[in-house]
Structures are given as structure tokens and as C-alpha cells.
Amino acid sequence: MIRHLLLLQFKPNTDQDRIDAMFGQFVRLKARIDGIESIEYGTNQSPENLNKSYTHSVVVTFSDSSARDHYLVHPDHKALEAVLLDLLADLIVFDLEA
């Protein structure tokens, strides 16, 4: 199992409706791309104040690394990537094997 973690820092004044639409697009990937077991997203909930301006995260769980690799080149992921990158000031992507 592979967990694909994204930490998101949106551009200042990014419209919440655009953020919500992007997350909706993210969630729909589960039905469109084989090998995605779950997609979770939300805002930072840590009281430690160590998030360094990253306000949201996404965790995509894949059945294995080949499912992750298939997702990375899938046209629906590429369409989401274009939308997401337009909204972001910064992004961290980290994959771990569970």
C-alpha cells in the first residue's frame, strides 16, 4: 500500500469556491482511476503551529506502487494537476509505503 501525501499552501486570497471545486475533482478520481483505495482531505488541525503556512492536505491511498504510477500519468490526474497548480503558492508531495 502506498500513501501519497500532499501538503498545500494556497495563493493569498484564493477563492474558497475554487478550492472546494478542486477537492471535488480530487474525490471523483477514486471512481475513475483503478487502484485508488481512498482519498482524504482537510485543513490543518494541529495545535502545534508547525504547519509553515500549509493549510490543507490530501492523502491518496493506493493499492500498490504500480497503481500510484498509473495515477500519475492518468489524464484525469493531469487535468486536476493543472487546476491545483494554478491555485497553489507551494506544494509538498511525499509518498510512503504502508
PDB file of N, CA and C in Angstrom:
ATOM      1  N   MET A   1       0.848  -1.167   0.000  1.00  0.00           N
ATOM      2  CA  MET A   1       0.000   0.000   0.000  1.00  0.00           C
ATOM      3  C   MET A   1       0.900   1.238   0.000  1.00  0.00           C
ATOM      4  N   ILE A   2       0.539   2.216  -0.825  1.00  0.00           N
ATOM      5  CA  ILE A   2       1.280   3.479  -0.919  1.00  0.00           C
ATOM      6  C   ILE A   2       0.358   4.610  -0.478  1.00  0.00           C
ATOM      7  N   ARG A   3       0.866   5.447   0.390  1.00  0.00           N
ATOM      8  CA  ARG A   3       0.142   6.665   0.790  1.00  0.00           C
ATOM      9  C   ARG A   3       0.852   7.853   0.150  1.00  0.00           C
ATOM     10  N   HIS A   4       0.084   8.638  -0.572  1.00  0.00           N
ATOM     11  CA  HIS A   4       0.560   9.791  -1.344  1.00  0.00           C
ATOM     12  C   HIS A   4       0.035  11.024  -0.622  1.00  0.00           C
ATOM     13  N   LEU A   5       0.927  11.732   0.072  1.00  0.00           N
ATOM     14  CA  LEU A   5       0.555  12.874   0.906  1.00  0.00           C
ATOM     15  C   LEU A   5       0.910  14.166   0.199  1.00  0.00           C
ATOM     16  N   LEU A   6      -0.046  15.083   0.125  1.00  0.00           N
ATOM     17  CA  LEU A   6       0.183  16.415  -0.417  1.00  0.00           C
ATOM     18  C   LEU A   6      -0.097  17.426   0.678  1.00  0.00           C
ATOM     19  N   LEU A   7       0.832  18.348   0.887  1.00  0.00           N
ATOM     20  CA  LEU A   7       0.629  19.484   1.771  1.00  0.00           C
ATOM     21  C   LEU A   7       0.475  20.707   0.878  1.00  0.00           C
ATOM     22  N   LEU A   8      -0.593  21.455   1.078  1.00  0.00           N
ATOM     23  CA  LEU A   8      -0.978  22.517   0.162  1.00  0.00           C
ATOM     24  C   LEU A   8      -0.920  23.882   0.829  1.00  0.00           C
ATOM     25  N   GLN A   9      -0.319  24.820   0.122  1.00  0.00           N
ATOM     26  CA  GLN A   9      -0.283  26.216   0.546  1.00  0.00           C
ATOM     27  C   GLN A   9      -0.890  27.019  -0.611  1.00  0.00           C
ATOM     28  N   PHE A  10      -2.077  27.544  -0.399  1.00  0.00           N
ATOM     29  CA  PHE A  10      -2.781  28.256  -1.451  1.00  0.00           C
ATOM     30  C   PHE A  10      -2.249  29.681  -1.592  1.00  0.00           C
ATOM     31  N   LYS A  11      -2.382  30.224  -2.806  1.00  0.00           N
ATOM     32  CA  LYS A  11      -2.036  31.617  -3.047  1.00  0.00           C
ATOM     33  C   LYS A  11      -2.927  32.502  -2.175  1.00  0.00           C
ATOM     34  N   PRO A  12      -2.418  33.643  -1.748  1.00  0.00           N
ATOM     35  CA  PRO A  12      -3.250  34.557  -0.943  1.00  0.00           C
ATOM     36  C   PRO A  12      -4.543  34.896  -1.691  1.00  0.00           C
ATOM     37  N   ASN A  13      -5.616  34.980  -0.933  1.00  0.00           N
ATOM     38  CA  ASN A  13      -6.924  35.360  -1.470  1.00  0.00           C
ATOM     39  C   ASN A  13      -7.505  34.360  -2.471  1.00  0.00           C
ATOM     40  N   THR A  14      -7.058  33.100  -2.414  1.00  0.00           N
ATOM     41  CA  THR A  14      -7.661  32.083  -3.277  1.00  0.00           C
ATOM     42  C   THR A  14      -9.107  31.886  -2.859  1.00  0.00           C
ATOM     43  N   ASP A  15     -10.000  31.928  -3.813  1.00  0.00           N
ATOM     44  CA  ASP A  15     -11.437  31.828  -3.573  1.00  0.00           C
ATOM     45  C   ASP A  15     -11.802  30.442  -3.037  1.00  0.00           C
ATOM     46  N   GLN A  16     -12.558  30.395  -1.946  1.00  0.00           N
ATOM     47  CA  GLN A  16     -12.948  29.127  -1.322  1.00  0.00           C
ATOM     48  C   GLN A  16     -13.760  28.255  -2.274  1.00  0.00           C
ATOM     49  N   ASP A  17     -14.566  28.861  -3.143  1.00  0.00           N
ATOM     50  CA  ASP A  17     -15.341  28.077  -4.112  1.00  0.00           C
ATOM     51  C   ASP A  17     -14.421  27.316  -5.060  1.00  0.00           C
ATOM     52  N   ARG A  18     -13.325  27.933  -5.452  1.00  0.00           N
ATOM     53  CA  ARG A  18     -12.355  27.248  -6.329  1.00  0.00           C
ATOM     54  C   ARG A  18     -11.658  26.114  -5.586  1.00  0.00           C
ATOM     55  N   ILE A  19     -11.353  26.330  -4.314  1.00  0.00           N
ATOM     56  CA  ILE A  19     -10.735  25.276  -3.506  1.00  0.00           C
ATOM     57  C   ILE A  19     -11.700  24.107  -3.368  1.00  0.00           C
ATOM     58  N   ASP A  20     -12.962  24.393  -3.051  1.00  0.00           N
ATOM     59  CA  ASP A  20     -13.969  23.333  -2.904  1.00  0.00           C
ATOM     60  C   ASP A  20     -14.155  22.557  -4.200  1.00  0.00           C
ATOM     61  N   ALA A  21     -14.194  23.261  -5.335  1.00  0.00           N
ATOM     62  CA  ALA A  21     -14.347  22.596  -6.631  1.00  0.00           C
ATOM     63  C   ALA A  21     -13.159  21.684  -6.921  1.00  0.00           C
ATOM     64  N   MET A  22     -11.957  22.151  -6.584  1.00  0.00           N
ATOM     65  CA  MET A  22     -10.760  21.342  -6.797  1.00  0.00           C
ATOM     66  C   MET A  22     -10.805  20.078  -5.957  1.00  0.00           C
ATOM     67  N   PHE A  23     -11.226  20.191  -4.671  1.00  0.00           N
ATOM     68  CA  PHE A  23     -11.316  18.992  -3.842  1.00  0.00           C
ATOM     69  C   PHE A  23     -12.387  18.040  -4.357  1.00  0.00           C
ATOM     70  N   GLY A  24     -13.478  18.569  -4.887  1.00  0.00           N
ATOM     71  CA  GLY A  24     -14.495  17.717  -5.508  1.00  0.00           C
ATOM     72  C   GLY A  24     -13.926  16.945  -6.684  1.00  0.00           C
ATOM     73  N   GLN A  25     -13.116  17.617  -7.493  1.00  0.00           N
ATOM     74  CA  GLN A  25     -12.447  16.969  -8.619  1.00  0.00           C
ATOM     75  C   GLN A  25     -11.500  15.886  -8.114  1.00  0.00           C
ATOM     76  N   PHE A  26     -10.812  16.155  -7.021  1.00  0.00           N
ATOM     77  CA  PHE A  26      -9.895  15.176  -6.425  1.00  0.00           C
ATOM     78  C   PHE A  26     -10.665  13.917  -6.017  1.00  0.00           C
ATOM     79  N   VAL A  27     -11.748  14.087  -5.301  1.00  0.00           N
ATOM     80  CA  VAL A  27     -12.517  12.946  -4.788  1.00  0.00           C
ATOM     81  C   VAL A  27     -13.075  12.095  -5.930  1.00  0.00           C
ATOM     82  N   ARG A  28     -13.451  12.725  -7.031  1.00  0.00           N
ATOM     83  CA  ARG A  28     -14.008  11.969  -8.165  1.00  0.00           C
ATOM     84  C   ARG A  28     -12.972  11.061  -8.825  1.00  0.00           C
ATOM     85  N   LEU A  29     -11.694  11.311  -8.588  1.00  0.00           N
ATOM     86  CA  LEU A  29     -10.665  10.447  -9.166  1.00  0.00           C
ATOM     87  C   LEU A  29     -10.797   9.001  -8.698  1.00  0.00           C
ATOM     88  N   LYS A  30     -11.283   8.801  -7.486  1.00  0.00           N
ATOM     89  CA  LYS A  30     -11.393   7.434  -6.943  1.00  0.00           C
ATOM     90  C   LYS A  30     -12.250   6.551  -7.843  1.00  0.00           C
ATOM     91  N   ALA A  31     -13.321   7.105  -8.408  1.00  0.00           N
ATOM     92  CA  ALA A  31     -14.202   6.330  -9.271  1.00  0.00           C
ATOM     93  C   ALA A  31     -13.634   6.176 -10.684  1.00  0.00           C
ATOM     94  N   ARG A  32     -12.638   6.968 -11.031  1.00  0.00           N
ATOM     95  CA  ARG A  32     -12.142   6.997 -12.404  1.00  0.00           C
ATOM     96  C   ARG A  32     -10.798   6.318 -12.605  1.00  0.00           C
ATOM     97  N   ILE A  33     -10.048   6.127 -11.521  1.00  0.00           N
ATOM     98  CA  ILE A  33      -8.701   5.573 -11.651  1.00  0.00           C
ATOM     99  C   ILE A  33      -8.585   4.325 -10.779  1.00  0.00           C
ATOM    100  N   ASP A  34      -8.341   3.194 -11.418  1.00  0.00           N
ATOM    101  CA  ASP A  34      -8.187   1.935 -10.687  1.00  0.00           C
ATOM    102  C   ASP A  34      -6.989   1.992  -9.751  1.00  0.00           C
ATOM    103  N   GLY A  35      -7.129   1.351  -8.605  1.00  0.00           N
ATOM    104  CA  GLY A  35      -6.039   1.237  -7.648  1.00  0.00           C
ATOM    105  C   GLY A  35      -6.059   2.262  -6.537  1.00  0.00           C
ATOM    106  N   ILE A  36      -6.962   3.266  -6.645  1.00  0.00           N
ATOM    107  CA  ILE A  36      -7.107   4.219  -5.546  1.00  0.00           C
ATOM    108  C   ILE A  36      -8.039   3.602  -4.514  1.00  0.00           C
ATOM    109  N   GLU A  37      -7.538   3.427  -3.319  1.00  0.00           N
ATOM    110  CA  GLU A  37      -8.353   2.841  -2.255  1.00  0.00           C
ATOM    111  C   GLU A  37      -9.122   3.890  -1.477  1.00  0.00           C
ATOM    112  N   SER A  38      -8.527   5.060  -1.283  1.00  0.00           N
ATOM    113  CA  SER A  38      -9.224   6.141  -0.579  1.00  0.00           C
ATOM    114  C   SER A  38      -8.573   7.472  -0.895  1.00  0.00           C
ATOM    115  N   ILE A  39      -9.374   8.535  -0.723  1.00  0.00           N
ATOM    116  CA  ILE A  39      -8.885   9.905  -0.843  1.00  0.00           C
ATOM    117  C   ILE A  39      -9.460  10.672   0.336  1.00  0.00           C
ATOM    118  N   GLU A  40      -8.566  11.240   1.131  1.00  0.00           N
ATOM    119  CA  GLU A  40      -8.975  12.039   2.285  1.00  0.00           C
ATOM    120  C   GLU A  40      -8.345  13.418   2.150  1.00  0.00           C
ATOM    121  N   TYR A  41      -9.058  14.436   2.593  1.00  0.00           N
ATOM    122  CA  TYR A  41      -8.511  15.788   2.553  1.00  0.00           C
ATOM    123  C   TYR A  41      -9.097  16.611   3.695  1.00  0.00           C
ATOM    124  N   GLY A  42      -8.427  17.693   4.016  1.00  0.00           N
ATOM    125  CA  GLY A  42      -8.936  18.579   5.052  1.00  0.00           C
ATOM    126  C   GLY A  42      -7.944  19.663   5.392  1.00  0.00           C
ATOM    127  N   THR A  43      -8.308  20.445   6.384  1.00  0.00           N
ATOM    128  CA  THR A  43      -7.472  21.553   6.838  1.00  0.00           C
ATOM    129  C   THR A  43      -6.613  21.111   8.012  1.00  0.00           C
ATOM    130  N   ASN A  44      -5.545  21.842   8.237  1.00  0.00           N
ATOM    131  CA  ASN A  44      -4.653  21.559   9.355  1.00  0.00           C
ATOM    132  C   ASN A  44      -5.416  21.653  10.674  1.00  0.00           C
ATOM    133  N   GLN A  45      -5.276  20.662  11.514  1.00  0.00           N
ATOM    134  CA  GLN A  45      -5.942  20.620  12.817  1.00  0.00           C
ATOM    135  C   GLN A  45      -4.950  20.574  13.977  1.00  0.00           C
ATOM    136  N   SER A  46      -3.663  20.690  13.671  1.00  0.00           N
ATOM    137  CA  SER A  46      -2.653  20.583  14.712  1.00  0.00           C
ATOM    138  C   SER A  46      -2.583  21.856  15.557  1.00  0.00           C
ATOM    139  N   PRO A  47      -2.535  21.708  16.885  1.00  0.00           N
ATOM    140  CA  PRO A  47      -2.381  22.874  17.753  1.00  0.00           C
ATOM    141  C   PRO A  47      -0.921  23.328  17.897  1.00  0.00           C
ATOM    142  N   GLU A  48       0.009  22.621  17.249  1.00  0.00           N
ATOM    143  CA  GLU A  48       1.435  22.897  17.440  1.00  0.00           C
ATOM    144  C   GLU A  48       1.950  24.109  16.660  1.00  0.00           C
ATOM    145  N   ASN A  49       1.175  24.591  15.700  1.00  0.00           N
ATOM    146  CA  ASN A  49       1.559  25.746  14.897  1.00  0.00           C
ATOM    147  C   ASN A  49       2.890  25.523  14.168  1.00  0.00           C
ATOM    148  N   LEU A  50       3.068  24.323  13.612  1.00  0.00           N
ATOM    149  CA  LEU A  50       4.293  23.981  12.881  1.00  0.00           C
ATOM    150  C   LEU A  50       4.020  23.716  11.399  1.00  0.00           C
ATOM    151  N   ASN A  51       2.880  24.145  10.901  1.00  0.00           N
ATOM    152  CA  ASN A  51       2.471  23.842   9.534  1.00  0.00           C
ATOM    153  C   ASN A  51       3.115  24.735   8.464  1.00  0.00           C
ATOM    154  N   LYS A  52       3.846  25.753   8.861  1.00  0.00           N
ATOM    155  CA  LYS A  52       4.605  26.606   7.940  1.00  0.00           C
ATOM    156  C   LYS A  52       3.761  27.110   6.767  1.00  0.00           C
ATOM    157  N   SER A  53       2.571  27.585   7.079  1.00  0.00           N
ATOM    158  CA  SER A  53       1.644  28.174   6.105  1.00  0.00           C
ATOM    159  C   SER A  53       0.980  27.162   5.171  1.00  0.00           C
ATOM    160  N   TYR A  54       1.205  25.883   5.387  1.00  0.00           N
ATOM    161  CA  TYR A  54       0.462  24.861   4.645  1.00  0.00           C
ATOM    162  C   TYR A  54      -0.852  24.657   5.392  1.00  0.00           C
ATOM    163  N   THR A  55      -1.957  24.913   4.702  1.00  0.00           N
ATOM    164  CA  THR A  55      -3.252  24.949   5.372  1.00  0.00           C
ATOM    165  C   THR A  55      -4.111  23.714   5.141  1.00  0.00           C
ATOM    166  N   HIS A  56      -3.843  22.969   4.063  1.00  0.00           N
ATOM    167  CA  HIS A  56      -4.662  21.821   3.695  1.00  0.00           C
ATOM    168  C   HIS A  56      -3.756  20.638   3.361  1.00  0.00           C
ATOM    169  N   SER A  57      -4.334  19.461   3.423  1.00  0.00           N
ATOM    170  CA  SER A  57      -3.603  18.271   2.991  1.00  0.00           C
ATOM    171  C   SER A  57      -4.553  17.313   2.282  1.00  0.00           C
ATOM    172  N   VAL A  58      -3.939  16.448   1.490  1.00  0.00           N
ATOM    173  CA  VAL A  58      -4.664  15.373   0.810  1.00  0.00           C
ATOM    174  C   VAL A  58      -3.844  14.112   1.015  1.00  0.00           C
ATOM    175  N   VAL A  59      -4.531  13.009   1.306  1.00  0.00           N
ATOM    176  CA  VAL A  59      -3.881  11.705   1.376  1.00  0.00           C
ATOM    177  C   VAL A  59      -4.617  10.783   0.418  1.00  0.00           C
ATOM    178  N   VAL A  60      -3.884  10.299  -0.588  1.00  0.00           N
ATOM    179  CA  VAL A  60      -4.433   9.322  -1.529  1.00  0.00           C
ATOM    180  C   VAL A  60      -3.768   7.996  -1.206  1.00  0.00           C
ATOM    181  N   THR A  61      -4.573   6.982  -0.934  1.00  0.00           N
ATOM    182  CA  THR A  61      -4.046   5.652  -0.637  1.00  0.00           C
ATOM    183  C   THR A  61      -4.232   4.768  -1.866  1.00  0.00           C
ATOM    184  N   PHE A  62      -3.117   4.185  -2.317  1.00  0.00           N
ATOM    185  CA  PHE A  62      -3.113   3.308  -3.483  1.00  0.00           C
ATOM    186  C   PHE A  62      -2.881   1.873  -3.042  1.00  0.00           C
ATOM    187  N   SER A  63      -3.377   0.940  -3.825  1.00  0.00           N
ATOM    188  CA  SER A  63      -3.189  -0.474  -3.506  1.00  0.00           C
ATOM    189  C   SER A  63      -1.711  -0.870  -3.569  1.00  0.00           C
ATOM    190  N   ASP A  64      -0.952  -0.251  -4.478  1.00  0.00           N
ATOM    191  CA  ASP A  64       0.473  -0.550  -4.612  1.00  0.00           C
ATOM    192  C   ASP A  64       1.141   0.546  -5.450  1.00  0.00           C
ATOM    193  N   SER A  65       2.436   0.419  -5.643  1.00  0.00           N
ATOM    194  CA  SER A  65       3.175   1.464  -6.360  1.00  0.00           C
ATOM    195  C   SER A  65       2.793   1.534  -7.834  1.00  0.00           C
ATOM    196  N   SER A  66       2.410   0.417  -8.440  1.00  0.00           N
ATOM    197  CA  SER A  66       2.010   0.481  -9.849  1.00  0.00           C
ATOM    198  C   SER A  66       0.697   1.244 -10.005  1.00  0.00           C
ATOM    199  N   ALA A  67      -0.207   1.143  -9.034  1.00  0.00           N
ATOM    200  CA  ALA A  67      -1.445   1.931  -9.059  1.00  0.00           C
ATOM    201  C   ALA A  67      -1.119   3.417  -8.944  1.00  0.00           C
ATOM    202  N   ARG A  68      -0.172   3.766  -8.074  1.00  0.00           N
ATOM    203  CA  ARG A  68       0.268   5.151  -7.947  1.00  0.00           C
ATOM    204  C   ARG A  68       0.880   5.650  -9.252  1.00  0.00           C
ATOM    205  N   ASP A  69       1.709   4.825  -9.871  1.00  0.00           N
ATOM    206  CA  ASP A  69       2.355   5.221 -11.112  1.00  0.00           C
ATOM    207  C   ASP A  69       1.330   5.423 -12.232  1.00  0.00           C
ATOM    208  N   HIS A  70       0.308   4.582 -12.261  1.00  0.00           N
ATOM    209  CA  HIS A  70      -0.783   4.718 -13.240  1.00  0.00           C
ATOM    210  C   HIS A  70      -1.533   6.029 -13.023  1.00  0.00           C
ATOM    211  N   TYR A  71      -1.795   6.369 -11.776  1.00  0.00           N
ATOM    212  CA  TYR A  71      -2.471   7.617 -11.403  1.00  0.00           C
ATOM    213  C   TYR A  71      -1.675   8.837 -11.868  1.00  0.00           C
ATOM    214  N   LEU A  72      -0.366   8.805 -11.696  1.00  0.00           N
ATOM    215  CA  LEU A  72       0.469   9.962 -12.006  1.00  0.00           C
ATOM    216  C   LEU A  72       0.381  10.387 -13.469  1.00  0.00           C
ATOM    217  N   VAL A  73       0.166   9.453 -14.371  1.00  0.00           N
ATOM    218  CA  VAL A  73       0.106   9.778 -15.807  1.00  0.00           C
ATOM    219  C   VAL A  73      -1.321   9.775 -16.360  1.00  0.00           C
ATOM    220  N   HIS A  74      -2.285   9.446 -15.525  1.00  0.00           N
ATOM    221  CA  HIS A  74      -3.683   9.358 -15.979  1.00  0.00           C
ATOM    222  C   HIS A  74      -4.187  10.741 -16.403  1.00  0.00           C
ATOM    223  N   PRO A  75      -4.924  10.836 -17.510  1.00  0.00           N
ATOM    224  CA  PRO A  75      -5.426  12.135 -17.974  1.00  0.00           C
ATOM    225  C   PRO A  75      -6.296  12.881 -16.958  1.00  0.00           C
ATOM    226  N   ASP A  76      -7.085  12.179 -16.159  1.00  0.00           N
ATOM    227  CA  ASP A  76      -7.906  12.848 -15.141  1.00  0.00           C
ATOM    228  C   ASP A  76      -7.031  13.454 -14.043  1.00  0.00           C
ATOM    229  N   HIS A  77      -5.940  12.775 -13.691  1.00  0.00           N
ATOM    230  CA  HIS A  77      -4.997  13.347 -12.719  1.00  0.00           C
ATOM    231  C   HIS A  77      -4.296  14.562 -13.315  1.00  0.00           C
ATOM    232  N   LYS A  78      -3.903  14.475 -14.580  1.00  0.00           N
ATOM    233  CA  LYS A  78      -3.229  15.601 -15.235  1.00  0.00           C
ATOM    234  C   LYS A  78      -4.158  16.821 -15.292  1.00  0.00           C
ATOM    235  N   ALA A  79      -5.446  16.614 -15.532  1.00  0.00           N
ATOM    236  CA  ALA A  79      -6.400  17.728 -15.549  1.00  0.00           C
ATOM    237  C   ALA A  79      -6.512  18.357 -14.166  1.00  0.00           C
ATOM    238  N   LEU A  80      -6.587  17.532 -13.127  1.00  0.00           N
ATOM    239  CA  LEU A  80      -6.623  18.043 -11.758  1.00  0.00           C
ATOM    240  C   LEU A  80      -5.336  18.781 -11.416  1.00  0.00           C
ATOM    241  N   GLU A  81      -4.219  18.237 -11.823  1.00  0.00           N
ATOM    242  CA  GLU A  81      -2.918  18.854 -11.540  1.00  0.00           C
ATOM    243  C   GLU A  81      -2.865  20.286 -12.084  1.00  0.00           C
ATOM    244  N   ALA A  82      -3.382  20.499 -13.277  1.00  0.00           N
ATOM    245  CA  ALA A  82      -3.381  21.843 -13.870  1.00  0.00           C
ATOM    246  C   ALA A  82      -4.212  22.813 -13.036  1.00  0.00           C
ATOM    247  N   VAL A  83      -5.376  22.361 -12.568  1.00  0.00           N
ATOM    248  CA  VAL A  83      -6.236  23.199 -11.730  1.00  0.00           C
ATOM    249  C   VAL A  83      -5.545  23.489 -10.402  1.00  0.00           C
ATOM    250  N   LEU A  84      -5.016  22.448  -9.786  1.00  0.00           N
ATOM    251  CA  LEU A  84      -4.383  22.578  -8.475  1.00  0.00           C
ATOM    252  C   LEU A  84      -3.188  23.521  -8.517  1.00  0.00           C
ATOM    253  N   LEU A  85      -2.309  23.336  -9.477  1.00  0.00           N
ATOM    254  CA  LEU A  85      -1.102  24.153  -9.533  1.00  0.00           C
ATOM    255  C   LEU A  85      -1.419  25.626  -9.757  1.00  0.00           C
ATOM    256  N   ASP A  86      -2.537  25.916 -10.412  1.00  0.00           N
ATOM    257  CA  ASP A  86      -2.947  27.303 -10.613  1.00  0.00           C
ATOM    258  C   ASP A  86      -3.364  27.972  -9.299  1.00  0.00           C
ATOM    259  N   LEU A  87      -3.794  27.174  -8.317  1.00  0.00           N
ATOM    260  CA  LEU A  87      -4.274  27.707  -7.039  1.00  0.00           C
ATOM    261  C   LEU A  87      -3.182  27.820  -5.983  1.00  0.00           C
ATOM    262  N   LEU A  88      -2.061  27.137  -6.185  1.00  0.00           N
ATOM    263  CA  LEU A  88      -1.083  26.967  -5.111  1.00  0.00           C
ATOM    264  C   LEU A  88       0.072  27.950  -5.148  1.00  0.00           C
ATOM    265  N   ALA A  89       0.475  28.367  -3.949  1.00  0.00           N
ATOM    266  CA  ALA A  89       1.728  29.091  -3.762  1.00  0.00           C
ATOM    267  C   ALA A  89       2.866  28.099  -3.579  1.00  0.00           C
ATOM    268  N   ASP A  90       2.555  26.947  -2.952  1.00  0.00           N
ATOM    269  CA  ASP A  90       3.578  25.935  -2.718  1.00  0.00           C
ATOM    270  C   ASP A  90       2.909  24.587  -2.471  1.00  0.00           C
ATOM    271  N   LEU A  91       3.683  23.536  -2.657  1.00  0.00           N
ATOM    272  CA  LEU A  91       3.190  22.169  -2.541  1.00  0.00           C
ATOM    273  C   LEU A  91       4.330  21.272  -2.090  1.00  0.00           C
ATOM    274  N   ILE A  92       4.023  20.351  -1.191  1.00  0.00           N
ATOM    275  CA  ILE A  92       4.945  19.280  -0.823  1.00  0.00           C
ATOM    276  C   ILE A  92       4.241  17.969  -1.129  1.00  0.00           C
ATOM    277  N   VAL A  93       4.941  17.069  -1.803  1.00  0.00           N
ATOM    278  CA  VAL A  93       4.412  15.731  -2.087  1.00  0.00           C
ATOM    279  C   VAL A  93       5.370  14.730  -1.455  1.00  0.00           C
ATOM    280  N   PHE A  94       4.779  13.775  -0.725  1.00  0.00           N
ATOM    281  CA  PHE A  94       5.582  12.784  -0.012  1.00  0.00           C
ATOM    282  C   PHE A  94       4.852  11.451  -0.107  1.00  0.00           C
ATOM    283  N   ASP A  95       5.512  10.424  -0.594  1.00  0.00           N
ATOM    284  CA  ASP A  95       4.916   9.091  -0.688  1.00  0.00           C
ATOM    285  C   ASP A  95       5.593   8.174   0.325  1.00  0.00           C
ATOM    286  N   LEU A  96       4.779   7.346   0.960  1.00  0.00           N
ATOM    287  CA  LEU A  96       5.339   6.356   1.869  1.00  0.00           C
ATOM    288  C   LEU A  96       4.640   5.035   1.678  1.00  0.00           C
ATOM    289  N   GLU A  97       5.407   3.973   1.892  1.00  0.00           N
ATOM    290  CA  GLU A  97       4.849   2.639   1.789  1.00  0.00           C
ATOM    291  C   GLU A  97       4.343   2.230   3.162  1.00  0.00           C
ATOM    292  N   ALA A  98       3.083   1.844   3.205  1.00  0.00           N
ATOM    293  CA  ALA A  98       2.458   1.468   4.482  1.00  0.00           C
ATOM    294  C   ALA A  98       2.482  -0.037   4.652  1.00  0.00           C
TER     295      ALA A  98
END
